[in-house]
Structure formats: structure tokens, C-alpha cells
Amino acid sequence: MSRQKNQNKSDAHIPEPRESISNQASQAKLNLIREKTLELEKIKEMNAMSNGLVLLFGDVADSMKDLSKGAEGVSKIMENWDYVFRIMSMVNPEANPSTPNPTVVKIPSHPVSS
């Protein structure tokens, strides 16, 4: 009888094959769920970063539009500079080449012998 009790006790510690297969399948499923959960978290992070990039590029596009408008303004100003300088030369008598220069300095090309 003591043998039977010992045998019953040892049988209780040995898992049946069905239980170990079931436990292995459950463990594999749990591991798969953990992997997929981590994957989902990473995808959510990537989605948030992508949305941030979309906003950033939208801001860059707006800035480029502003810069192009500024460049157009500078272009128009530069086109007028020639006209502005012509007007200034007409108004400024010192810059007008039609008035003769009252002072002429002659520099001898040969040394003067004394």
C-alpha cells in the first residue's frame, strides 16, 4: 500500500502530455501577443513621428512661400535701381558729365631738367 501512495504522489508531479502541449501553445500565443503589442507600439510611435514631419514640412512650405514673395519684392526693387541712378545723376550737377571740369592738372611725362 505504501508503494501505491508513493506511486500516486509521483504521478501527480508528472504533467500529462496534453497539458504540456497546451501550456506550450499558450506560451507561444502569449509570446506572439507580446511581440505584436510591441510592434503596435512602434507603429504608433512611427505614426506620431510621421504626423510631426507632415506638420514640419507644412511649415517649411509656408516659409518658402513667404521667401519667394520677399524675393519677388527684392527683384522689383533691383529692377528700379538703374532708373534711380539715372534720376540721381540728372539731379546731381557734380555727377553730370556735360558740365566741364573747372580744374585741369597737367602732369609732365618727361622729367623736367633744371
Protein backbone atom coordinates (compact mmCIF):
# COMPACT_ATOMS: atom_id res chain seq x y z
CA MET A 1 0.00 0.00 0.00
CA SER A 2 2.82 2.41 0.68
CA ARG A 3 4.03 1.74 -2.83
CA GLN A 4 0.69 2.80 -4.22
CA LYS A 5 0.78 6.03 -2.25
CA ASN A 6 4.29 6.78 -3.44
CA GLN A 7 3.29 5.98 -7.00
CA ASN A 8 0.22 8.24 -6.77
CA LYS A 9 2.38 11.06 -5.42
CA SER A 10 4.93 10.71 -8.20
CA ASP A 11 2.17 10.60 -10.82
CA ALA A 12 0.81 13.91 -9.56
CA HIS A 13 4.13 15.64 -10.30
CA ILE A 14 4.43 14.42 -13.89
CA PRO A 15 2.32 16.58 -16.20
CA GLU A 16 0.29 14.82 -18.77
CA PRO A 17 1.36 15.31 -22.39
CA ARG A 18 -1.85 17.16 -23.27
CA GLU A 19 -1.27 19.72 -20.53
CA SER A 20 2.34 20.40 -21.59
CA ILE A 21 1.33 20.83 -25.24
CA SER A 22 -1.48 23.12 -24.16
CA ASN A 23 0.91 25.11 -21.95
CA GLN A 24 3.47 25.36 -24.76
CA ALA A 25 0.79 26.57 -27.18
CA SER A 26 -0.46 29.08 -24.64
CA GLN A 27 3.08 30.31 -24.02
CA ALA A 28 3.70 30.64 -27.76
CA LYS A 29 0.47 32.59 -28.13
CA LEU A 30 1.42 34.86 -25.23
CA ASN A 31 4.83 35.49 -26.80
CA LEU A 32 3.17 36.29 -30.12
CA ILE A 33 0.76 38.68 -28.38
CA ARG A 34 3.70 40.41 -26.66
CA GLU A 35 5.57 40.75 -29.96
CA LYS A 36 2.51 42.13 -31.73
CA THR A 37 1.85 44.55 -28.87
CA LEU A 38 5.43 45.87 -29.11
CA GLU A 39 5.06 46.09 -32.88
CA LEU A 40 1.83 48.07 -32.46
CA GLU A 41 3.53 50.48 -30.05
CA LYS A 42 6.37 51.04 -32.53
CA ILE A 43 3.90 51.62 -35.35
CA LYS A 44 2.04 54.16 -33.21
CA GLU A 45 5.34 55.94 -32.50
CA MET A 46 6.17 55.99 -36.21
CA ASN A 47 2.71 57.34 -36.98
CA ALA A 48 3.15 60.14 -34.44
CA MET A 49 6.58 60.98 -35.89
CA SER A 50 5.14 60.96 -39.41
CA ASN A 51 2.40 63.37 -38.36
CA GLY A 52 5.07 65.61 -36.84
CA LEU A 53 7.01 65.54 -40.12
CA VAL A 54 3.87 66.44 -42.06
CA LEU A 55 3.36 69.49 -39.84
CA LEU A 56 7.04 70.43 -40.11
CA PHE A 57 7.05 70.22 -43.90
CA GLY A 58 3.83 72.25 -43.99
CA ASP A 59 5.60 74.98 -42.00
CA VAL A 60 8.60 74.78 -44.33
CA ALA A 61 6.31 75.14 -47.36
CA ASP A 62 4.68 78.22 -45.83
CA SER A 63 8.10 79.71 -45.11
CA MET A 64 9.20 79.08 -48.69
CA LYS A 65 6.10 80.87 -49.98
CA ASP A 66 6.96 83.86 -47.80
CA LEU A 67 10.57 83.79 -49.00
CA SER A 68 9.51 83.69 -52.65
CA LYS A 69 7.25 86.70 -52.10
CA GLY A 70 10.18 88.52 -50.49
CA ALA A 71 12.45 87.56 -53.39
CA GLU A 72 9.90 88.95 -55.85
CA GLY A 73 9.89 92.23 -53.91
CA VAL A 74 13.69 92.40 -53.97
CA SER A 75 13.65 91.66 -57.70
CA LYS A 76 11.29 94.56 -58.35
CA ILE A 77 13.49 96.89 -56.29
CA MET A 78 16.63 95.78 -58.15
CA GLU A 79 14.92 96.39 -61.50
CA ASN A 80 14.36 100.03 -60.45
CA TRP A 81 17.95 100.75 -59.37
CA ASP A 82 19.09 101.67 -62.87
CA TYR A 83 16.22 104.14 -63.15
CA VAL A 84 17.01 105.55 -59.69
CA PHE A 85 20.69 106.08 -60.54
CA ARG A 86 19.83 107.83 -63.82
CA ILE A 87 17.47 110.19 -61.99
CA MET A 88 20.10 110.88 -59.32
CA SER A 89 22.74 111.67 -61.94
CA MET A 90 20.37 114.15 -63.61
CA VAL A 91 19.66 115.88 -60.31
CA ASN A 92 23.26 115.96 -59.05
CA PRO A 93 25.25 118.53 -61.05
CA GLU A 94 28.59 117.09 -59.88
CA ALA A 95 27.78 113.76 -61.46
CA ASN A 96 26.61 115.32 -64.74
CA PRO A 97 29.35 114.81 -67.34
CA SER A 98 28.02 117.64 -69.57
CA THR A 99 29.41 120.31 -67.23
CA PRO A 100 33.10 120.94 -67.85
CA ASN A 101 35.56 120.21 -65.12
CA PRO A 102 36.89 123.58 -63.97
CA THR A 103 40.29 122.25 -62.81
CA VAL A 104 42.71 120.50 -65.11
CA VAL A 105 46.07 119.30 -63.87
CA LYS A 106 48.83 118.61 -66.34
CA ILE A 107 51.47 116.13 -65.34
CA PRO A 108 54.59 116.18 -67.46
CA SER A 109 55.51 112.88 -68.99
CA HIS A 110 59.26 113.75 -69.14
CA PRO A 111 61.28 114.81 -66.16
CA VAL A 112 61.99 118.49 -66.13
CA SER A 113 65.69 119.27 -66.30
CA SER A 114 66.89 122.12 -64.22
